[in-house]
Protein backbone atom coordinates (compact mmCIF):
# COMPACT_ATOMS: atom_id res chain seq x y z
CA MET A 1 -157.39 -84.30 -47.11
CA THR A 2 -154.09 -86.09 -47.20
CA HIS A 3 -152.54 -88.46 -44.73
CA GLN A 4 -149.70 -86.02 -44.07
CA ALA A 5 -152.08 -83.07 -43.61
CA LEU A 6 -153.98 -84.94 -40.91
CA TRP A 7 -150.84 -85.89 -39.00
CA ASN A 8 -149.48 -82.33 -39.39
CA ALA A 9 -152.75 -80.98 -38.00
CA ILE A 10 -152.45 -83.18 -34.92
CA ALA A 11 -148.91 -81.89 -34.32
CA MET A 12 -150.06 -78.30 -34.86
CA LEU A 13 -152.97 -78.73 -32.46
CA ALA A 14 -150.55 -80.04 -29.84
CA ARG A 15 -148.29 -77.00 -30.30
CA ARG A 16 -151.25 -74.61 -30.09
CA GLN A 17 -152.11 -76.21 -26.74
CA GLY A 18 -148.53 -75.83 -25.54
CA LEU A 19 -148.05 -79.60 -25.66
CA THR A 20 -145.93 -82.17 -27.38
CA CYS A 21 -147.71 -84.82 -29.42
CA SER A 22 -147.12 -87.18 -26.52
CA GLY A 23 -148.69 -84.67 -24.13
CA LEU A 24 -151.70 -84.29 -26.41
CA ALA A 25 -152.14 -88.05 -26.50
CA LYS A 26 -152.01 -88.30 -22.70
CA LEU A 27 -154.38 -85.35 -22.28
CA SER A 28 -156.79 -87.15 -24.60
CA GLY A 29 -156.65 -90.38 -22.62
CA LEU A 30 -154.54 -92.15 -25.23
CA ASP A 31 -151.23 -93.95 -24.98
CA ALA A 32 -148.36 -91.47 -24.98
CA THR A 33 -146.94 -93.06 -28.15
CA THR A 34 -150.15 -92.78 -30.18
CA PHE A 35 -148.90 -89.89 -32.31
CA ASN A 36 -145.27 -90.98 -32.70
CA LYS A 37 -143.96 -90.71 -36.25
CA SER A 38 -143.25 -94.44 -36.14
CA LYS A 39 -147.00 -95.09 -35.78
CA GLN A 40 -147.93 -93.12 -38.91
CA PHE A 41 -147.00 -95.97 -41.24
CA SER A 42 -147.32 -99.73 -40.94
CA PRO A 43 -144.22 -101.94 -41.26
CA ASP A 44 -144.98 -102.47 -44.96
CA GLY A 45 -144.99 -98.70 -45.53
CA SER A 46 -148.72 -98.22 -45.94
CA PRO A 47 -150.16 -95.17 -44.20
CA ARG A 48 -151.96 -95.52 -40.89
CA TRP A 49 -154.77 -93.04 -40.37
CA PRO A 50 -155.95 -91.96 -36.91
CA SER A 51 -159.37 -93.41 -36.09
CA CYS A 52 -162.51 -91.31 -35.73
CA SER A 53 -162.43 -92.17 -32.04
CA THR A 54 -158.90 -90.79 -31.70
CA ILE A 55 -159.87 -87.57 -33.49
CA ALA A 56 -162.95 -87.24 -31.27
CA LYS A 57 -160.82 -87.64 -28.15
CA ILE A 58 -158.32 -84.95 -29.12
CA VAL A 59 -161.09 -82.55 -30.15
CA GLN A 60 -162.86 -83.07 -26.84
CA ALA A 61 -159.69 -82.87 -24.75
CA THR A 62 -158.62 -79.59 -26.36
CA ASN A 63 -162.13 -78.14 -26.30
CA ILE A 64 -162.21 -77.23 -29.98
CA SER A 65 -164.93 -78.03 -32.47
CA ILE A 66 -164.55 -80.61 -35.20
CA ILE A 67 -164.96 -77.71 -37.64
CA ASP A 68 -161.97 -75.94 -36.08
CA PHE A 69 -159.94 -79.14 -36.32
CA ALA A 70 -160.98 -79.57 -39.96
CA GLU A 71 -159.74 -76.04 -40.66
CA ILE A 72 -156.36 -76.91 -39.13
CA VAL A 73 -156.22 -79.99 -41.38
CA ALA A 74 -157.17 -77.89 -44.43
CA THR A 75 -154.39 -75.39 -43.77
CA ASN A 76 -151.90 -78.27 -43.67
CA ASP A 77 -153.09 -80.01 -46.83
CA ASP A 78 -150.39 -80.43 -49.45
């Protein structure tokens, strides 16, 4: 799994739900800016990975299994 594949999977999950990434964040009880591209890297350029808690919230909010989410990630792996 790559950093980019995980972020791509979040964006794809949002689209599948008919949402923007901001909408997915809000649906999941997160700040609307959680999935902004600017949050994917720290100021020094190192990658920021979503936490397990964040992944759990989006899986629960969209009513998919973690296995289904992992398959979305796998299809987006570089």
